[in-house]
PDB file of all heavy atoms in Angstrom:
ATOM      1  N   GLN A   1      57.432 173.656  61.959  1.00  0.00           N
ATOM      2  CA  GLN A   1      56.736 172.876  63.069  1.00  0.00           C
ATOM      3  C   GLN A   1      57.782 172.050  63.817  1.00  0.00           C
ATOM      4  O   GLN A   1      57.758 171.986  65.053  1.00  0.00           O
ATOM      5  CB  GLN A   1      55.638 172.088  62.553  1.00  0.00           C
ATOM      6  CG  GLN A   1      54.943 171.281  63.594  1.00  0.00           C
ATOM      7  CD  GLN A   1      53.706 170.460  63.078  1.00  0.00           C
ATOM      8  OE1 GLN A   1      52.999 170.964  62.218  1.00  0.00           O
ATOM      9  NE2 GLN A   1      53.491 169.287  63.574  1.00  0.00           N
ATOM     10  N   VAL A   2      58.548 171.284  63.085  1.00  0.00           N
ATOM     11  CA  VAL A   2      59.488 170.398  63.780  1.00  0.00           C
ATOM     12  C   VAL A   2      60.472 171.210  64.680  1.00  0.00           C
ATOM     13  O   VAL A   2      60.732 170.822  65.813  1.00  0.00           O
ATOM     14  CB  VAL A   2      60.349 169.611  62.731  1.00  0.00           C
ATOM     15  CG1 VAL A   2      61.388 168.756  63.461  1.00  0.00           C
ATOM     16  CG2 VAL A   2      59.409 168.657  62.005  1.00  0.00           C
ATOM     17  N   ASP A   3      61.005 172.341  64.166  1.00  0.00           N
ATOM     18  CA  ASP A   3      61.884 173.144  65.016  1.00  0.00           C
ATOM     19  C   ASP A   3      61.182 173.692  66.226  1.00  0.00           C
ATOM     20  O   ASP A   3      61.761 173.729  67.345  1.00  0.00           O
ATOM     21  CB  ASP A   3      62.402 174.308  64.199  1.00  0.00           C
ATOM     22  CG  ASP A   3      63.302 173.906  63.068  1.00  0.00           C
ATOM     23  OD1 ASP A   3      63.918 172.812  63.145  1.00  0.00           O
ATOM     24  OD2 ASP A   3      63.477 174.655  62.097  1.00  0.00           O
ATOM     25  N   TYR A   4      59.889 174.011  66.034  1.00  0.00           N
ATOM     26  CA  TYR A   4      59.093 174.525  67.175  1.00  0.00           C
ATOM     27  C   TYR A   4      58.942 173.522  68.256  1.00  0.00           C
ATOM     28  O   TYR A   4      59.113 173.808  69.396  1.00  0.00           O
ATOM     29  CB  TYR A   4      57.774 174.994  66.581  1.00  0.00           C
ATOM     30  CG  TYR A   4      56.809 175.605  67.637  1.00  0.00           C
ATOM     31  CD1 TYR A   4      57.048 176.915  68.152  1.00  0.00           C
ATOM     32  CD2 TYR A   4      55.766 174.853  68.134  1.00  0.00           C
ATOM     33  CE1 TYR A   4      56.191 177.431  69.145  1.00  0.00           C
ATOM     34  CE2 TYR A   4      54.847 175.421  69.042  1.00  0.00           C
ATOM     35  CZ  TYR A   4      55.126 176.723  69.595  1.00  0.00           C
ATOM     36  OH  TYR A   4      54.287 177.216  70.471  1.00  0.00           O
ATOM     37  N   VAL A   5      58.502 172.288  67.902  1.00  0.00           N
ATOM     38  CA  VAL A   5      58.148 171.373  68.923  1.00  0.00           C
ATOM     39  C   VAL A   5      59.417 170.758  69.628  1.00  0.00           C
ATOM     40  O   VAL A   5      59.375 170.299  70.821  1.00  0.00           O
ATOM     41  CB  VAL A   5      57.329 170.209  68.416  1.00  0.00           C
ATOM     42  CG1 VAL A   5      55.943 170.698  67.913  1.00  0.00           C
ATOM     43  CG2 VAL A   5      58.053 169.335  67.388  1.00  0.00           C
ATOM     44  N   LEU A   6      60.514 170.887  68.942  1.00  0.00           N
ATOM     45  CA  LEU A   6      61.794 170.362  69.431  1.00  0.00           C
ATOM     46  C   LEU A   6      62.671 171.470  70.089  1.00  0.00           C
ATOM     47  O   LEU A   6      63.794 171.218  70.497  1.00  0.00           O
ATOM     48  CB  LEU A   6      62.659 169.671  68.390  1.00  0.00           C
ATOM     49  CG  LEU A   6      62.044 168.364  67.824  1.00  0.00           C
ATOM     50  CD1 LEU A   6      62.952 167.742  66.798  1.00  0.00           C
ATOM     51  CD2 LEU A   6      61.786 167.350  68.957  1.00  0.00           C
ATOM     52  N   SER A   7      62.034 172.635  70.360  1.00  0.00           N
ATOM     53  CA  SER A   7      62.750 173.728  71.065  1.00  0.00           C
ATOM     54  C   SER A   7      62.081 173.860  72.413  1.00  0.00           C
ATOM     55  O   SER A   7      61.022 173.392  72.667  1.00  0.00           O
ATOM     56  CB  SER A   7      62.600 174.989  70.225  1.00  0.00           C
ATOM     57  OG  SER A   7      61.238 175.384  70.101  1.00  0.00           O
ATOM     58  N   GLY A   8      62.722 174.649  73.272  1.00  0.00           N
ATOM     59  CA  GLY A   8      62.271 174.791  74.605  1.00  0.00           C
ATOM     60  C   GLY A   8      61.126 175.828  74.667  1.00  0.00           C
ATOM     61  O   GLY A   8      60.848 176.577  73.654  1.00  0.00           O
ATOM     62  N   PHE A   9      60.494 175.904  75.771  1.00  0.00           N
ATOM     63  CA  PHE A   9      59.412 176.902  75.974  1.00  0.00           C
ATOM     64  C   PHE A   9      59.989 178.317  76.012  1.00  0.00           C
ATOM     65  O   PHE A   9      61.141 178.506  76.419  1.00  0.00           O
ATOM     66  CB  PHE A   9      58.677 176.571  77.272  1.00  0.00           C
ATOM     67  CG  PHE A   9      57.820 175.337  77.216  1.00  0.00           C
ATOM     68  CD1 PHE A   9      58.312 174.094  77.553  1.00  0.00           C
ATOM     69  CD2 PHE A   9      56.498 175.458  76.797  1.00  0.00           C
ATOM     70  CE1 PHE A   9      57.532 172.979  77.461  1.00  0.00           C
ATOM     71  CE2 PHE A   9      55.705 174.226  76.621  1.00  0.00           C
ATOM     72  CZ  PHE A   9      56.209 173.045  77.066  1.00  0.00           C
ATOM     73  N   ASP A  10      59.230 179.226  75.547  1.00  0.00           N
ATOM     74  CA  ASP A  10      59.656 180.599  75.557  1.00  0.00           C
ATOM     75  C   ASP A  10      59.807 181.176  76.953  1.00  0.00           C
ATOM     76  O   ASP A  10      59.199 180.689  77.866  1.00  0.00           O
ATOM     77  CB  ASP A  10      58.565 181.498  74.818  1.00  0.00           C
ATOM     78  CG  ASP A  10      58.527 181.206  73.286  1.00  0.00           C
ATOM     79  OD1 ASP A  10      59.501 180.601  72.773  1.00  0.00           O
ATOM     80  OD2 ASP A  10      57.469 181.498  72.673  1.00  0.00           O
ATOM     81  N   PRO A  11      60.664 182.213  77.101  1.00  0.00           N
ATOM     82  CA  PRO A  11      60.936 182.723  78.412  1.00  0.00           C
ATOM     83  C   PRO A  11      59.723 183.240  79.158  1.00  0.00           C
ATOM     84  O   PRO A  11      59.599 183.050  80.327  1.00  0.00           O
ATOM     85  CB  PRO A  11      61.900 183.971  78.153  1.00  0.00           C
ATOM     86  CG  PRO A  11      62.652 183.540  76.898  1.00  0.00           C
ATOM     87  CD  PRO A  11      61.630 182.774  76.042  1.00  0.00           C
ATOM     88  N   ASP A  12      58.750 183.818  78.369  1.00  0.00           N
ATOM     89  CA  ASP A  12      57.517 184.269  79.019  1.00  0.00           C
ATOM     90  C   ASP A  12      56.566 183.127  79.390  1.00  0.00           C
ATOM     91  O   ASP A  12      55.602 183.277  80.074  1.00  0.00           O
ATOM     92  CB  ASP A  12      56.801 185.264  78.166  1.00  0.00           C
ATOM     93  CG  ASP A  12      56.358 184.702  76.819  1.00  0.00           C
ATOM     94  OD1 ASP A  12      56.989 183.757  76.301  1.00  0.00           O
ATOM     95  OD2 ASP A  12      55.403 185.257  76.251  1.00  0.00           O
ATOM     96  N   GLU A  13      56.859 181.928  78.824  1.00  0.00           N
ATOM     97  CA  GLU A  13      56.002 180.769  79.115  1.00  0.00           C
ATOM     98  C   GLU A  13      56.536 180.022  80.373  1.00  0.00           C
ATOM     99  O   GLU A  13      55.784 179.354  81.155  1.00  0.00           O
ATOM    100  CB  GLU A  13      55.931 179.768  77.951  1.00  0.00           C
ATOM    101  CG  GLU A  13      55.253 180.325  76.751  1.00  0.00           C
ATOM    102  CD  GLU A  13      55.336 179.428  75.557  1.00  0.00           C
ATOM    103  OE1 GLU A  13      56.379 178.673  75.465  1.00  0.00           O
ATOM    104  OE2 GLU A  13      54.395 179.432  74.716  1.00  0.00           O
ATOM    105  N   LYS A  14      57.820 179.964  80.582  1.00  0.00           N
ATOM    106  CA  LYS A  14      58.427 179.184  81.643  1.00  0.00           C
ATOM    107  C   LYS A  14      57.900 179.378  82.984  1.00  0.00           C
ATOM    108  O   LYS A  14      57.651 178.450  83.790  1.00  0.00           O
ATOM    109  CB  LYS A  14      59.930 179.306  81.559  1.00  0.00           C
ATOM    110  CG  LYS A  14      60.613 178.707  80.395  1.00  0.00           C
ATOM    111  CD  LYS A  14      62.125 178.838  80.380  1.00  0.00           C
ATOM    112  CE  LYS A  14      62.725 178.209  79.149  1.00  0.00           C
ATOM    113  NZ  LYS A  14      64.224 178.366  79.105  1.00  0.00           N
ATOM    114  N   PRO A  15      57.595 180.649  83.419  1.00  0.00           N
ATOM    115  CA  PRO A  15      57.033 180.839  84.755  1.00  0.00           C
ATOM    116  C   PRO A  15      55.700 180.166  84.995  1.00  0.00           C
ATOM    117  O   PRO A  15      55.385 179.829  86.154  1.00  0.00           O
ATOM    118  CB  PRO A  15      56.850 182.367  84.876  1.00  0.00           C
ATOM    119  CG  PRO A  15      57.890 182.917  83.910  1.00  0.00           C
ATOM    120  CD  PRO A  15      57.885 181.924  82.773  1.00  0.00           C
ATOM    121  N   ASP A  16      54.946 179.888  83.965  1.00  0.00           N
ATOM    122  CA  ASP A  16      53.651 179.198  84.123  1.00  0.00           C
ATOM    123  C   ASP A  16      53.717 177.711  84.038  1.00  0.00           C
ATOM    124  O   ASP A  16      52.756 177.064  84.400  1.00  0.00           O
ATOM    125  CB  ASP A  16      52.657 179.656  82.952  1.00  0.00           C
ATOM    126  CG  ASP A  16      52.386 181.204  83.108  1.00  0.00           C
ATOM    127  OD1 ASP A  16      52.290 181.662  84.223  1.00  0.00           O
ATOM    128  OD2 ASP A  16      52.208 181.830  82.038  1.00  0.00           O
ATOM    129  N   LEU A  17      54.858 177.178  83.661  1.00  0.00           N
ATOM    130  CA  LEU A  17      54.952 175.747  83.546  1.00  0.00           C
ATOM    131  C   LEU A  17      54.696 174.966  84.789  1.00  0.00           C
ATOM    132  O   LEU A  17      53.947 173.949  84.814  1.00  0.00           O
ATOM    133  CB  LEU A  17      56.353 175.371  82.947  1.00  0.00           C
ATOM    134  CG  LEU A  17      56.514 175.236  81.446  1.00  0.00           C
ATOM    135  CD1 LEU A  17      57.955 174.893  81.088  1.00  0.00           C
ATOM    136  CD2 LEU A  17      55.552 174.194  80.887  1.00  0.00           C
ATOM    137  N   PRO A  18      55.301 175.362  85.970  1.00  0.00           N
ATOM    138  CA  PRO A  18      55.020 174.548  87.169  1.00  0.00           C
ATOM    139  C   PRO A  18      53.555 174.448  87.542  1.00  0.00           C
ATOM    140  O   PRO A  18      53.069 173.381  87.855  1.00  0.00           O
ATOM    141  CB  PRO A  18      55.810 175.276  88.280  1.00  0.00           C
ATOM    142  CG  PRO A  18      56.866 176.040  87.539  1.00  0.00           C
ATOM    143  CD  PRO A  18      56.289 176.431  86.199  1.00  0.00           C
ATOM    144  N   GLY A  19      52.811 175.519  87.364  1.00  0.00           N
ATOM    145  CA  GLY A  19      51.365 175.496  87.680  1.00  0.00           C
ATOM    146  C   GLY A  19      50.628 174.673  86.715  1.00  0.00           C
ATOM    147  O   GLY A  19      49.675 173.923  87.087  1.00  0.00           O
ATOM    148  N   LEU A  20      50.960 174.643  85.475  1.00  0.00           N
ATOM    149  CA  LEU A  20      50.315 173.832  84.476  1.00  0.00           C
ATOM    150  C   LEU A  20      50.640 172.358  84.672  1.00  0.00           C
ATOM    151  O   LEU A  20      49.783 171.454  84.429  1.00  0.00           O
ATOM    152  CB  LEU A  20      50.740 174.283  83.010  1.00  0.00           C
ATOM    153  CG  LEU A  20      50.190 175.641  82.662  1.00  0.00           C
ATOM    154  CD1 LEU A  20      50.910 176.126  81.381  1.00  0.00           C
ATOM    155  CD2 LEU A  20      48.690 175.628  82.498  1.00  0.00           C
ATOM    156  N   ILE A  21      51.832 172.098  85.057  1.00  0.00           N
ATOM    157  CA  ILE A  21      52.204 170.701  85.384  1.00  0.00           C
ATOM    158  C   ILE A  21      51.459 170.192  86.617  1.00  0.00           C
ATOM    159  O   ILE A  21      50.972 169.076  86.660  1.00  0.00           O
ATOM    160  CB  ILE A  21      53.769 170.529  85.489  1.00  0.00           C
ATOM    161  CG1 ILE A  21      54.402 170.697  84.142  1.00  0.00           C
ATOM    162  CG2 ILE A  21      54.092 169.147  86.122  1.00  0.00           C
ATOM    163  CD1 ILE A  21      55.918 170.725  84.232  1.00  0.00           C
ATOM    164  N   ASP A  22      51.314 171.086  87.590  1.00  0.00           N
ATOM    165  CA  ASP A  22      50.482 170.758  88.783  1.00  0.00           C
ATOM    166  C   ASP A  22      49.132 170.404  88.399  1.00  0.00           C
ATOM    167  O   ASP A  22      48.487 169.471  88.860  1.00  0.00           O
ATOM    168  CB  ASP A  22      50.466 171.948  89.758  1.00  0.00           C
ATOM    169  CG  ASP A  22      51.746 172.172  90.537  1.00  0.00           C
ATOM    170  OD1 ASP A  22      52.598 171.255  90.471  1.00  0.00           O
ATOM    171  OD2 ASP A  22      51.929 173.194  91.105  1.00  0.00           O
ATOM    172  N   ARG A  23      48.473 171.228  87.469  1.00  0.00           N
ATOM    173  CA  ARG A  23      47.186 170.960  87.005  1.00  0.00           C
ATOM    174  C   ARG A  23      47.003 169.613  86.310  1.00  0.00           C
ATOM    175  O   ARG A  23      46.125 168.841  86.450  1.00  0.00           O
ATOM    176  CB  ARG A  23      46.643 172.090  86.135  1.00  0.00           C
ATOM    177  CG  ARG A  23      45.201 171.964  85.674  1.00  0.00           C
ATOM    178  CD  ARG A  23      44.772 173.179  84.867  1.00  0.00           C
ATOM    179  NE  ARG A  23      43.432 173.112  84.426  1.00  0.00           N
ATOM    180  CZ  ARG A  23      42.319 173.394  85.135  1.00  0.00           C
ATOM    181  NH1 ARG A  23      42.505 173.753  86.364  1.00  0.00           N
ATOM    182  NH2 ARG A  23      41.149 173.277  84.621  1.00  0.00           N
ATOM    183  N   SER A  24      48.046 169.337  85.475  1.00  0.00           N
ATOM    184  CA  SER A  24      48.112 168.067  84.704  1.00  0.00           C
ATOM    185  C   SER A  24      48.155 166.860  85.663  1.00  0.00           C
ATOM    186  O   SER A  24      47.414 165.856  85.496  1.00  0.00           O
ATOM    187  CB  SER A  24      49.321 168.052  83.808  1.00  0.00           C
ATOM    188  OG  SER A  24      49.341 169.153  82.895  1.00  0.00           O
ATOM    189  N   ILE A  25      48.900 167.025  86.733  1.00  0.00           N
ATOM    190  CA  ILE A  25      49.019 165.898  87.728  1.00  0.00           C
ATOM    191  C   ILE A  25      47.652 165.748  88.438  1.00  0.00           C
ATOM    192  O   ILE A  25      47.130 164.653  88.637  1.00  0.00           O
ATOM    193  CB  ILE A  25      50.107 166.189  88.727  1.00  0.00           C
ATOM    194  CG1 ILE A  25      51.452 166.035  88.035  1.00  0.00           C
ATOM    195  CG2 ILE A  25      50.029 165.309  89.947  1.00  0.00           C
ATOM    196  CD1 ILE A  25      52.646 166.416  88.873  1.00  0.00           C
ATOM    197  N   GLU A  26      46.961 166.832  88.767  1.00  0.00           N
ATOM    198  CA  GLU A  26      45.639 166.714  89.409  1.00  0.00           C
ATOM    199  C   GLU A  26      44.673 165.969  88.411  1.00  0.00           C
ATOM    200  O   GLU A  26      43.866 165.158  88.857  1.00  0.00           O
ATOM    201  CB  GLU A  26      45.100 168.084  89.698  1.00  0.00           C
ATOM    202  CG  GLU A  26      45.781 168.822  90.841  1.00  0.00           C
ATOM    203  CD  GLU A  26      45.201 170.209  91.093  1.00  0.00           C
ATOM    204  OE1 GLU A  26      44.097 170.436  90.512  1.00  0.00           O
ATOM    205  OE2 GLU A  26      45.801 170.983  91.758  1.00  0.00           O
ATOM    206  N   MET A  27      44.795 166.263  87.085  1.00  0.00           N
ATOM    207  CA  MET A  27      43.916 165.617  86.130  1.00  0.00           C
ATOM    208  C   MET A  27      44.251 164.089  86.019  1.00  0.00           C
ATOM    209  O   MET A  27      43.314 163.264  85.880  1.00  0.00           O
ATOM    210  CB  MET A  27      44.029 166.319  84.823  1.00  0.00           C
ATOM    211  CG  MET A  27      43.509 167.740  84.887  1.00  0.00           C
ATOM    212  SD  MET A  27      43.821 168.681  83.347  1.00  0.00           S
ATOM    213  CE  MET A  27      42.687 167.917  82.186  1.00  0.00           C
ATOM    214  N   VAL A  28      45.517 163.741  86.071  1.00  0.00           N
ATOM    215  CA  VAL A  28      45.918 162.361  85.951  1.00  0.00           C
ATOM    216  C   VAL A  28      45.339 161.590  87.230  1.00  0.00           C
ATOM    217  O   VAL A  28      44.716 160.578  87.099  1.00  0.00           O
ATOM    218  CB  VAL A  28      47.457 162.200  85.984  1.00  0.00           C
ATOM    219  CG1 VAL A  28      47.837 160.670  86.151  1.00  0.00           C
ATOM    220  CG2 VAL A  28      48.016 162.722  84.675  1.00  0.00           C
ATOM    221  N   GLN A  29      45.486 162.199  88.374  1.00  0.00           N
ATOM    222  CA  GLN A  29      44.980 161.595  89.605  1.00  0.00           C
ATOM    223  C   GLN A  29      43.458 161.489  89.607  1.00  0.00           C
ATOM    224  O   GLN A  29      42.895 160.444  90.041  1.00  0.00           O
ATOM    225  CB  GLN A  29      45.473 162.467  90.829  1.00  0.00           C
ATOM    226  CG  GLN A  29      46.936 162.451  91.008  1.00  0.00           C
ATOM    227  CD  GLN A  29      47.359 163.409  92.132  1.00  0.00           C
ATOM    228  OE1 GLN A  29      46.700 164.365  92.364  1.00  0.00           O
ATOM    229  NE2 GLN A  29      48.568 163.165  92.678  1.00  0.00           N
ATOM    230  N   SER A  30      42.792 162.488  89.062  1.00  0.00           N
ATOM    231  CA  SER A  30      41.352 162.418  88.910  1.00  0.00           C
ATOM    232  C   SER A  30      40.893 161.309  87.984  1.00  0.00           C
ATOM    233  O   SER A  30      39.962 160.566  88.252  1.00  0.00           O
ATOM    234  CB  SER A  30      40.778 163.811  88.434  1.00  0.00           C
ATOM    235  OG  SER A  30      39.376 163.727  88.304  1.00  0.00           O
ATOM    236  N   PHE A  31      41.636 161.232  86.831  1.00  0.00           N
ATOM    237  CA  PHE A  31      41.285 160.163  85.869  1.00  0.00           C
ATOM    238  C   PHE A  31      41.387 158.786  86.519  1.00  0.00           C
ATOM    239  O   PHE A  31      40.514 157.935  86.321  1.00  0.00           O
ATOM    240  CB  PHE A  31      42.290 160.243  84.729  1.00  0.00           C
ATOM    241  CG  PHE A  31      42.148 159.119  83.669  1.00  0.00           C
ATOM    242  CD1 PHE A  31      41.232 159.187  82.711  1.00  0.00           C
ATOM    243  CD2 PHE A  31      42.960 157.997  83.726  1.00  0.00           C
ATOM    244  CE1 PHE A  31      41.048 158.111  81.754  1.00  0.00           C
ATOM    245  CE2 PHE A  31      42.883 156.993  82.880  1.00  0.00           C
ATOM    246  CZ  PHE A  31      41.883 157.059  81.794  1.00  0.00           C
ATOM    247  N   VAL A  32      42.392 158.542  87.295  1.00  0.00           N
ATOM    248  CA  VAL A  32      42.680 157.319  87.937  1.00  0.00           C
ATOM    249  C   VAL A  32      41.550 157.007  88.990  1.00  0.00           C
ATOM    250  O   VAL A  32      41.072 155.902  89.189  1.00  0.00           O
ATOM    251  CB  VAL A  32      44.016 157.229  88.577  1.00  0.00           C
ATOM    252  CG1 VAL A  32      44.160 156.054  89.510  1.00  0.00           C
ATOM    253  CG2 VAL A  32      45.117 157.193  87.442  1.00  0.00           C
ATOM    254  N   SER A  33      41.208 158.048  89.719  1.00  0.00           N
ATOM    255  CA  SER A  33      40.251 157.848  90.890  1.00  0.00           C
ATOM    256  C   SER A  33      38.801 157.897  90.522  1.00  0.00           C
ATOM    257  O   SER A  33      37.982 157.113  91.114  1.00  0.00           O
ATOM    258  CB  SER A  33      40.612 158.845  91.988  1.00  0.00           C
ATOM    259  OG  SER A  33      40.433 160.190  91.528  1.00  0.00           O
ATOM    260  N   VAL A  34      38.431 158.770  89.568  1.00  0.00           N
ATOM    261  CA  VAL A  34      36.939 158.932  89.322  1.00  0.00           C
ATOM    262  C   VAL A  34      36.615 158.727  87.813  1.00  0.00           C
ATOM    263  O   VAL A  34      35.466 158.720  87.479  1.00  0.00           O
ATOM    264  CB  VAL A  34      36.472 160.231  89.805  1.00  0.00           C
ATOM    265  CG1 VAL A  34      36.631 160.426  91.247  1.00  0.00           C
ATOM    266  CG2 VAL A  34      37.038 161.452  88.994  1.00  0.00           C
ATOM    267  N   GLY A  35      37.582 158.591  86.948  1.00  0.00           N
ATOM    268  CA  GLY A  35      37.298 158.268  85.538  1.00  0.00           C
ATOM    269  C   GLY A  35      37.348 159.530  84.629  1.00  0.00           C
ATOM    270  O   GLY A  35      37.414 160.637  85.145  1.00  0.00           O
ATOM    271  N   PRO A  36      37.213 159.357  83.371  1.00  0.00           N
ATOM    272  CA  PRO A  36      37.370 160.425  82.397  1.00  0.00           C
ATOM    273  C   PRO A  36      36.204 161.428  82.457  1.00  0.00           C
ATOM    274  O   PRO A  36      36.451 162.669  82.329  1.00  0.00           O
ATOM    275  CB  PRO A  36      37.465 159.761  81.034  1.00  0.00           C
ATOM    276  CG  PRO A  36      36.813 158.426  81.262  1.00  0.00           C
ATOM    277  CD  PRO A  36      37.101 158.036  82.700  1.00  0.00           C
ATOM    278  N   GLU A  37      35.019 160.977  82.574  1.00  0.00           N
ATOM    279  CA  GLU A  37      33.799 161.899  82.435  1.00  0.00           C
ATOM    280  C   GLU A  37      33.838 162.913  83.562  1.00  0.00           C
ATOM    281  O   GLU A  37      33.653 164.102  83.281  1.00  0.00           O
ATOM    282  CB  GLU A  37      32.530 161.116  82.447  1.00  0.00           C
ATOM    283  CG  GLU A  37      32.397 160.038  81.333  1.00  0.00           C
ATOM    284  CD  GLU A  37      32.408 160.794  79.990  1.00  0.00           C
ATOM    285  OE1 GLU A  37      32.030 161.907  79.815  1.00  0.00           O
ATOM    286  OE2 GLU A  37      32.926 160.147  79.003  1.00  0.00           O
ATOM    287  N   LEU A  38      34.038 162.551  84.798  1.00  0.00           N
ATOM    288  CA  LEU A  38      33.986 163.484  85.931  1.00  0.00           C
ATOM    289  C   LEU A  38      35.212 164.351  85.842  1.00  0.00           C
ATOM    290  O   LEU A  38      35.206 165.519  86.201  1.00  0.00           O
ATOM    291  CB  LEU A  38      33.986 162.713  87.219  1.00  0.00           C
ATOM    292  CG  LEU A  38      32.556 162.107  87.607  1.00  0.00           C
ATOM    293  CD1 LEU A  38      32.723 161.323  88.914  1.00  0.00           C
ATOM    294  CD2 LEU A  38      31.518 163.161  87.675  1.00  0.00           C
ATOM    295  N   THR A  39      36.327 163.833  85.359  1.00  0.00           N
ATOM    296  CA  THR A  39      37.583 164.586  85.244  1.00  0.00           C
ATOM    297  C   THR A  39      37.344 165.701  84.207  1.00  0.00           C
ATOM    298  O   THR A  39      37.742 166.840  84.362  1.00  0.00           O
ATOM    299  CB  THR A  39      38.710 163.692  84.824  1.00  0.00           C
ATOM    300  OG1 THR A  39      38.945 162.732  85.803  1.00  0.00           O
ATOM    301  CG2 THR A  39      40.037 164.538  84.654  1.00  0.00           C
ATOM    302  N   MET A  40      36.738 165.398  83.042  1.00  0.00           N
ATOM    303  CA  MET A  40      36.466 166.381  82.060  1.00  0.00           C
ATOM    304  C   MET A  40      35.446 167.484  82.544  1.00  0.00           C
ATOM    305  O   MET A  40      35.670 168.678  82.322  1.00  0.00           O
ATOM    306  CB  MET A  40      35.897 165.710  80.742  1.00  0.00           C
ATOM    307  CG  MET A  40      36.961 164.911  80.003  1.00  0.00           C
ATOM    308  SD  MET A  40      36.386 164.366  78.395  1.00  0.00           S
ATOM    309  CE  MET A  40      35.072 163.204  78.911  1.00  0.00           C
ATOM    310  N   THR A  41      34.497 167.004  83.342  1.00  0.00           N
ATOM    311  CA  THR A  41      33.541 168.015  83.862  1.00  0.00           C
ATOM    312  C   THR A  41      34.210 168.975  84.798  1.00  0.00           C
ATOM    313  O   THR A  41      33.885 170.224  84.724  1.00  0.00           O
ATOM    314  CB  THR A  41      32.432 167.241  84.640  1.00  0.00           C
ATOM    315  OG1 THR A  41      31.735 166.426  83.716  1.00  0.00           O
ATOM    316  CG2 THR A  41      31.462 168.240  85.242  1.00  0.00           C
ATOM    317  N   ARG A  42      35.168 168.478  85.562  1.00  0.00           N
ATOM    318  CA  ARG A  42      35.811 169.345  86.481  1.00  0.00           C
ATOM    319  C   ARG A  42      36.866 170.240  85.930  1.00  0.00           C
ATOM    320  O   ARG A  42      37.073 171.429  86.256  1.00  0.00           O
ATOM    321  CB  ARG A  42      36.417 168.530  87.673  1.00  0.00           C
ATOM    322  CG  ARG A  42      37.157 169.294  88.666  1.00  0.00           C
ATOM    323  CD  ARG A  42      37.842 168.474  89.727  1.00  0.00           C
ATOM    324  NE  ARG A  42      38.669 169.179  90.653  1.00  0.00           N
ATOM    325  CZ  ARG A  42      39.469 168.708  91.540  1.00  0.00           C
ATOM    326  NH1 ARG A  42      39.580 167.332  91.711  1.00  0.00           N
ATOM    327  NH2 ARG A  42      40.166 169.475  92.359  1.00  0.00           N
ATOM    328  N   PHE A  43      37.663 169.708  84.964  1.00  0.00           N
ATOM    329  CA  PHE A  43      38.825 170.381  84.487  1.00  0.00           C
ATOM    330  C   PHE A  43      38.784 170.974  83.106  1.00  0.00           C
ATOM    331  O   PHE A  43      39.529 171.897  82.812  1.00  0.00           O
ATOM    332  CB  PHE A  43      40.051 169.413  84.556  1.00  0.00           C
ATOM    333  CG  PHE A  43      40.489 169.060  85.918  1.00  0.00           C
ATOM    334  CD1 PHE A  43      40.136 167.877  86.509  1.00  0.00           C
ATOM    335  CD2 PHE A  43      41.350 169.938  86.638  1.00  0.00           C
ATOM    336  CE1 PHE A  43      40.545 167.569  87.801  1.00  0.00           C
ATOM    337  CE2 PHE A  43      41.750 169.597  87.902  1.00  0.00           C
ATOM    338  CZ  PHE A  43      41.369 168.386  88.493  1.00  0.00           C
ATOM    339  N   ASN A  44      37.994 170.459  82.171  1.00  0.00           N
ATOM    340  CA  ASN A  44      37.905 170.915  80.847  1.00  0.00           C
ATOM    341  C   ASN A  44      37.027 172.191  80.760  1.00  0.00           C
ATOM    342  O   ASN A  44      35.951 172.149  80.267  1.00  0.00           O
ATOM    343  CB  ASN A  44      37.343 169.873  79.868  1.00  0.00           C
ATOM    344  CG  ASN A  44      38.377 168.787  79.592  1.00  0.00           C
ATOM    345  OD1 ASN A  44      39.433 168.682  80.251  1.00  0.00           O
ATOM    346  ND2 ASN A  44      38.024 167.867  78.698  1.00  0.00           N
TER     347      ASN A  44
END
């Protein structure tokens, strides 16, 4: 487990990282502006 979490993402995962980080940022912004409940409803 330690080796796994301290290693980089797999080559087949890296193309999806920018989109997932974009989604994460949208969730952070939603949390700040409308709170956790509405954010979970929209994104979870």
